[in-house]
Amino acid sequence: MSSSQTTSECNPSLTVAGGEPLAWGRRTYIMGIINLTPDSFSGDGLADDPRAAVELAQRMEADGADIIDVGAESTRPGTQPISAAAETARLLPALSAICESVSIPVSVDTYKAPVARRAIDAGAALVNDVWGCLADGAMAPVIAGAGVPAILMHNQSQAHYEDLVPDVIAGLSRIAGIAKAAGIAHHNIILDPGIGFGKTADHNLEILRRLPEFRELGFPLLLGVSRKSTIGRVLNLPPEERLEGTAAAVAMSIAGGADIVRVHDVKEMVRVARITDAVERGWRPEGWPNR
C-alpha cells in the first residue's frame, strides 16, 4: 500500500498528492513551473534537456517549492498544438527523472488524456488541465481512475463575457460538476480562474481584484500570474523583467484566497507568500518567538 493510499484512507476527505497531504487554509502552496517546450512565452523552455530540467526541479525544491508542474506543450497564444504522441515523447524522459530526483509531488500540465495516463504511470501525482477536462472527454475518467488531484482551469477561445466574474464562476462550477460526475472526488478538485486564458488584460485584473468571490465555489483555488502579459502591459516590461510585478500579483492572489500559486521564480515567491500568509492566514515559521 502506498503512502498516498494510507493517508487518504485515514482521512478520505483530505487532498493528498504523492503521499503529501495538502492542508488548505494554513498557508499557500508554491508550484514551480518547468517548461519542456521550445517556445515558452517566458523564455524558460527546456526542450530536449532532461538533465537541466532535473537540476531546475531540485533547485526549486531546495528553494521551497511544494509542487513541481511539468509541461511539454506551450499554451502561449497562437502556438500550434502537438500530437499526444509528440507531447509524450517530449515529456516522459524529463518527468520520469524529476519524479525520481525530488521528494515533493510532481504535476503534469496537459489537457490530453493519453499524456496524463502515461505521466501518472511515470510518477505524476497531480494533473493540471488548462481546459478543465473539456478538451478531451477521456481526461476526467483517467484522473478519476488514478485517484489523483486535478487542477481544472477556466478557459475559452474568445474573451467575450456577459458578466465576467459570474460567467467564470459558472464555468468553473460546470467543470467541477463534470469532474465529479466522472468520479473525481470533491476533495481532489482544485479550480483555476485562468488568468490570461480567454481573457483580456482588464479581465485578468478584475478577476484578481474580485478573487474572494470565487471562494463561494467551495474548492481550493490555484492562481497562475507569474510573468503574465497583463503584468507586462501594466509595467511595459518583457517577461524576464516582471519579477516585482509578479510578486505584487502573487501577494494579491494570496490575499484574495489563492491556495496554490504557480510561479517561475520559486525562491522569491516563497518569500512573498510567507509574508502574505503571516498577515492573512496567521502562518508562523517554526521556532517563532511568542513575544
Protein backbone atom coordinates (compact mmCIF):
# COMPACT_ATOMS: atom_id res chain seq x y z
CA MET A 1 0.00 0.00 0.00
CA SER A 2 1.37 3.40 -0.99
CA SER A 3 1.77 6.24 1.50
CA SER A 4 -0.84 8.17 -0.52
CA GLN A 5 -3.38 5.37 -0.08
CA THR A 6 -2.62 5.09 3.63
CA THR A 7 -3.07 8.81 4.25
CA SER A 8 -6.21 9.17 2.16
CA GLU A 9 -7.82 6.11 3.73
CA CYS A 10 -7.21 7.55 7.20
CA ASN A 11 -8.95 10.76 6.14
CA PRO A 12 -10.90 10.25 2.90
CA SER A 13 -11.81 13.96 2.64
CA LEU A 14 -8.16 15.10 2.64
CA THR A 15 -6.43 16.12 -0.57
CA VAL A 16 -3.28 14.04 -0.94
CA ALA A 17 -0.67 14.38 -3.69
CA GLY A 18 2.15 11.86 -3.87
CA GLY A 19 1.66 10.95 -0.22
CA GLU A 20 1.74 14.61 0.86
CA PRO A 21 -1.45 15.93 2.49
CA LEU A 22 -2.44 19.41 1.34
CA ALA A 23 -3.91 21.24 4.34
CA TRP A 24 -5.89 24.04 2.73
CA GLY A 25 -6.05 27.38 4.50
CA ARG A 26 -2.97 27.08 6.68
CA ARG A 27 -0.53 28.51 4.17
CA THR A 28 -0.07 28.96 0.44
CA TYR A 29 1.48 26.14 -1.59
CA ILE A 30 4.13 27.08 -4.15
CA MET A 31 4.06 25.30 -7.50
CA GLY A 32 7.25 25.66 -9.53
CA ILE A 33 6.94 25.71 -13.33
CA ILE A 34 9.13 23.59 -15.59
CA ASN A 35 8.52 24.06 -19.31
CA LEU A 36 9.86 21.39 -21.64
CA THR A 37 8.83 23.42 -24.68
CA PRO A 38 10.98 25.19 -27.26
CA ASP A 39 8.59 28.16 -27.37
CA SER A 40 7.67 29.06 -23.79
CA PHE A 41 6.23 32.59 -23.56
CA SER A 42 8.59 33.39 -20.69
CA GLY A 43 11.71 32.14 -22.45
CA ASP A 44 12.39 29.35 -19.95
CA GLY A 45 11.76 26.32 -22.15
CA LEU A 46 13.98 23.27 -21.60
CA ALA A 47 13.07 21.14 -24.61
CA ASP A 48 15.30 18.09 -25.13
CA ASP A 49 17.29 18.72 -21.92
CA PRO A 50 16.07 16.35 -19.18
CA ARG A 51 19.22 16.88 -17.11
CA ALA A 52 18.63 20.65 -16.96
CA ALA A 53 15.00 20.00 -16.04
CA VAL A 54 16.05 17.75 -13.17
CA GLU A 55 18.56 20.32 -11.93
CA LEU A 56 15.88 23.01 -12.05
CA ALA A 57 13.41 20.80 -10.17
CA GLN A 58 15.98 20.09 -7.46
CA ARG A 59 16.79 23.78 -7.15
CA MET A 60 13.09 24.63 -6.87
CA GLU A 61 12.65 22.04 -4.14
CA ALA A 62 15.64 23.45 -2.26
CA ASP A 63 14.18 26.95 -2.65
CA GLY A 64 10.91 25.89 -1.01
CA ALA A 65 8.60 24.67 -3.77
CA ASP A 66 5.82 22.37 -2.61
CA ILE A 67 4.91 21.02 -6.05
CA ILE A 68 6.69 20.87 -9.42
CA ASP A 69 4.50 21.33 -12.53
CA VAL A 70 5.96 19.89 -15.73
CA GLY A 71 4.54 20.65 -19.17
CA ALA A 72 5.64 19.75 -22.68
CA GLU A 73 3.25 21.78 -24.86
CA SER A 74 3.22 25.55 -24.96
CA THR A 75 -0.07 27.29 -24.14
CA ARG A 76 1.06 30.70 -25.37
CA PRO A 77 -1.44 32.43 -27.71
CA GLY A 78 -1.06 31.42 -31.33
CA THR A 79 1.03 28.33 -30.68
CA GLN A 80 0.39 25.24 -32.77
CA PRO A 81 -0.86 22.19 -30.85
CA ILE A 82 1.17 19.00 -30.98
CA SER A 83 0.01 15.39 -31.01
CA ALA A 84 -0.32 13.34 -27.85
CA ALA A 85 2.47 11.10 -29.10
CA ALA A 86 4.83 14.05 -29.66
CA GLU A 87 3.94 15.56 -26.29
CA THR A 88 4.51 12.25 -24.51
CA ALA A 89 7.87 11.74 -26.20
CA ARG A 90 8.99 15.20 -25.14
CA LEU A 91 7.58 14.91 -21.62
CA LEU A 92 8.37 11.48 -20.24
CA PRO A 93 12.19 11.42 -20.10
CA ALA A 94 12.34 14.58 -18.00
CA LEU A 95 9.19 13.94 -15.96
CA SER A 96 10.29 10.42 -15.03
CA ALA A 97 13.73 11.68 -14.00
CA ILE A 98 12.23 14.54 -11.98
CA CYS A 99 9.87 12.20 -10.13
CA GLU A 100 12.85 10.07 -9.13
CA SER A 101 15.02 13.01 -8.06
CA VAL A 102 12.69 15.12 -5.85
CA SER A 103 10.70 14.28 -2.74
CA ILE A 104 7.83 16.70 -3.42
CA PRO A 105 4.78 15.93 -5.62
CA VAL A 106 5.13 16.37 -9.38
CA SER A 107 2.22 17.59 -11.50
CA VAL A 108 1.77 17.10 -15.24
CA ASP A 109 0.50 20.07 -17.25
CA THR A 110 -1.54 18.54 -20.09
CA TYR A 111 -5.09 18.53 -21.47
CA LYS A 112 -4.71 15.20 -23.30
CA ALA A 113 -5.87 12.01 -21.58
CA PRO A 114 -3.24 9.68 -23.14
CA VAL A 115 -0.46 12.01 -21.97
CA ALA A 116 -1.93 12.24 -18.48
CA ARG A 117 -2.23 8.45 -18.24
CA ARG A 118 1.41 7.90 -19.19
CA ALA A 119 2.56 10.70 -16.89
CA ILE A 120 0.69 9.24 -13.91
CA ASP A 121 2.22 5.85 -14.64
CA ALA A 122 5.63 7.57 -14.63
CA GLY A 123 5.04 9.11 -11.19
CA ALA A 124 2.98 12.29 -11.67
CA ALA A 125 0.83 12.89 -8.58
CA LEU A 126 -1.47 15.62 -9.97
CA VAL A 127 -2.92 16.58 -13.36
CA ASN A 128 -3.10 20.25 -14.35
CA ASP A 129 -5.56 20.61 -17.25
CA VAL A 130 -5.80 24.09 -18.79
CA TRP A 131 -9.09 23.10 -20.46
CA GLY A 132 -10.69 21.70 -17.32
CA CYS A 133 -11.36 18.23 -18.80
CA LEU A 134 -13.39 19.80 -21.61
CA ALA A 135 -10.87 19.36 -24.44
CA ASP A 136 -10.63 15.58 -24.07
CA GLY A 137 -13.67 13.66 -22.84
CA ALA A 138 -11.45 10.84 -21.61
CA MET A 139 -9.46 13.08 -19.26
CA ALA A 140 -11.87 13.10 -16.30
CA PRO A 141 -12.21 9.28 -16.25
CA VAL A 142 -8.42 8.91 -16.41
CA ILE A 143 -7.97 11.24 -13.43
CA ALA A 144 -10.82 9.59 -11.53
CA GLY A 145 -9.39 6.14 -12.15
CA ALA A 146 -5.97 7.18 -10.88
CA GLY A 147 -7.40 8.89 -7.81
CA VAL A 148 -5.07 11.88 -8.14
CA PRO A 149 -5.94 15.55 -7.59
CA ALA A 150 -6.94 17.57 -10.66
CA ILE A 151 -6.32 21.25 -11.28
CA LEU A 152 -9.12 22.35 -13.59
CA MET A 153 -8.85 25.73 -15.28
CA HIS A 154 -11.43 28.01 -16.85
CA ASN A 155 -10.56 28.62 -20.48
CA GLN A 156 -12.30 29.64 -23.67
CA SER A 157 -11.32 30.50 -27.22
CA GLN A 158 -12.52 34.12 -27.10
CA ALA A 159 -12.74 36.87 -24.49
CA HIS A 160 -16.45 37.73 -24.61
CA TYR A 161 -18.49 37.63 -21.40
CA GLU A 162 -21.94 38.83 -20.44
CA ASP A 163 -20.73 39.43 -16.87
CA LEU A 164 -17.11 38.41 -16.34
CA VAL A 165 -16.81 37.09 -12.80
CA PRO A 166 -20.24 35.40 -12.59
CA ASP A 167 -19.59 33.85 -16.02
CA VAL A 168 -16.20 32.46 -14.99
CA ILE A 169 -17.62 31.19 -11.69
CA ALA A 170 -20.44 29.48 -13.59
CA GLY A 171 -17.93 27.94 -15.98
CA LEU A 172 -15.82 26.61 -13.14
CA SER A 173 -18.92 25.23 -11.41
CA ARG A 174 -19.82 23.39 -14.62
CA ILE A 175 -16.30 21.98 -14.91
CA ALA A 176 -16.36 20.79 -11.31
CA GLY A 177 -19.74 19.15 -11.90
CA ILE A 178 -18.44 17.27 -14.93
CA ALA A 179 -15.40 16.14 -12.97
CA LYS A 180 -17.48 14.86 -10.07
CA ALA A 181 -19.91 13.10 -12.40
CA ALA A 182 -16.92 11.26 -13.91
CA GLY A 183 -15.88 10.07 -10.46
CA ILE A 184 -13.28 12.63 -9.39
CA ALA A 185 -13.71 13.11 -5.64
CA HIS A 186 -14.69 16.56 -4.41
CA HIS A 187 -11.53 16.78 -2.29
CA ASN A 188 -9.40 16.08 -5.39
CA ILE A 189 -10.68 19.08 -7.35
CA ILE A 190 -8.69 22.33 -7.43
CA LEU A 191 -10.01 25.19 -9.57
CA ASP A 192 -8.12 27.86 -11.52
CA PRO A 193 -9.89 31.00 -12.86
CA GLY A 194 -7.48 31.01 -15.81
CA ILE A 195 -5.62 34.31 -15.72
CA GLY A 196 -4.54 35.04 -19.30
CA PHE A 197 -6.69 32.37 -20.95
CA GLY A 198 -9.63 33.67 -22.98
CA LYS A 199 -9.45 36.96 -21.10
CA THR A 200 -8.23 40.48 -21.76
CA ALA A 201 -5.76 42.30 -19.55
CA ASP A 202 -8.63 44.19 -17.93
CA HIS A 203 -10.45 40.90 -17.33
CA ASN A 204 -7.37 39.48 -15.61
CA LEU A 205 -7.05 42.48 -13.31
CA GLU A 206 -10.74 42.34 -12.43
CA ILE A 207 -10.51 38.63 -11.56
CA LEU A 208 -7.56 39.35 -9.27
CA ARG A 209 -9.47 42.18 -7.60
CA ARG A 210 -12.58 40.06 -7.14
CA LEU A 211 -10.89 36.76 -6.31
CA PRO A 212 -12.67 36.39 -2.93
CA GLU A 213 -15.91 35.84 -4.86
CA PHE A 214 -14.50 32.60 -6.24
CA ARG A 215 -14.38 31.12 -2.73
CA GLU A 216 -18.13 30.54 -2.99
CA LEU A 217 -17.35 27.59 -5.27
CA GLY A 218 -16.12 25.63 -2.27
CA PHE A 219 -12.90 24.34 -3.80
CA PRO A 220 -9.22 25.23 -3.32
CA LEU A 221 -8.01 27.83 -5.81
CA LEU A 222 -4.84 27.94 -7.90
CA LEU A 223 -3.65 31.17 -9.49
CA GLY A 224 -1.10 31.41 -12.28
CA VAL A 225 0.00 35.02 -12.61
CA SER A 226 3.76 34.56 -12.97
CA ARG A 227 5.29 36.76 -15.71
CA LYS A 228 1.91 37.02 -17.46
CA SER A 229 1.36 39.51 -20.28
CA THR A 230 -1.02 41.58 -18.14
CA ILE A 231 1.90 42.37 -15.84
CA GLY A 232 3.97 43.25 -18.89
CA ARG A 233 1.27 45.58 -20.19
CA VAL A 234 0.87 47.38 -16.89
CA LEU A 235 4.63 47.83 -16.45
CA ASN A 236 5.62 47.86 -20.13
CA LEU A 237 8.26 45.21 -19.45
CA PRO A 238 9.31 41.92 -21.10
CA PRO A 239 8.85 38.57 -19.28
CA GLU A 240 12.36 38.49 -17.82
CA GLU A 241 11.77 41.84 -16.08
CA ARG A 242 8.43 41.06 -14.45
CA LEU A 243 9.67 39.76 -11.09
CA GLU A 244 8.39 42.65 -8.98
CA GLY A 245 5.09 42.73 -10.87
CA THR A 246 4.71 39.01 -10.34
CA ALA A 247 5.46 39.44 -6.64
CA ALA A 248 2.69 42.03 -6.32
CA ALA A 249 0.22 39.84 -8.22
CA VAL A 250 1.14 36.78 -6.13
CA ALA A 251 0.59 38.74 -2.90
CA MET A 252 -2.78 39.95 -4.21
CA SER A 253 -3.70 36.40 -5.20
CA ILE A 254 -2.94 35.07 -1.72
CA ALA A 255 -4.77 37.94 -0.04
CA GLY A 256 -7.75 37.10 -2.25
CA GLY A 257 -7.77 33.46 -1.19
CA ALA A 258 -5.45 31.53 -3.51
CA ASP A 259 -4.33 28.22 -2.03
CA ILE A 260 -1.64 27.49 -4.66
CA VAL A 261 0.36 29.94 -6.75
CA ARG A 262 2.08 28.67 -9.88
CA VAL A 263 5.38 30.51 -10.40
CA HIS A 264 8.66 30.57 -12.28
CA ASP A 265 10.74 32.32 -9.59
CA VAL A 266 10.32 29.95 -6.66
CA LYS A 267 12.79 31.37 -4.14
CA GLU A 268 11.46 34.91 -4.42
CA MET A 269 7.78 33.91 -4.45
CA VAL A 270 8.21 31.65 -1.41
CA ARG A 271 9.33 34.74 0.49
CA VAL A 272 6.40 36.77 -0.85
CA ALA A 273 3.98 34.01 0.12
CA ARG A 274 5.32 33.60 3.64
CA ILE A 275 4.95 37.29 4.47
CA THR A 276 1.48 37.39 2.92
CA ASP A 277 0.49 34.21 4.77
CA ALA A 278 1.81 35.66 8.05
CA VAL A 279 -0.52 38.64 7.63
CA GLU A 280 -3.54 36.98 6.01
CA ARG A 281 -3.57 33.49 7.50
CA GLY A 282 -1.68 33.74 10.75
CA TRP A 283 1.08 31.45 9.49
CA ARG A 284 4.27 31.46 11.57
CA PRO A 285 7.62 29.74 10.98
CA GLU A 286 8.88 27.06 13.32
CA GLY A 287 10.53 28.49 16.41
CA TRP A 288 8.54 31.74 16.18
CA PRO A 289 9.17 33.73 19.37
CA ASN A 290 5.99 34.11 21.39
CA ARG A 291 6.56 37.69 22.34
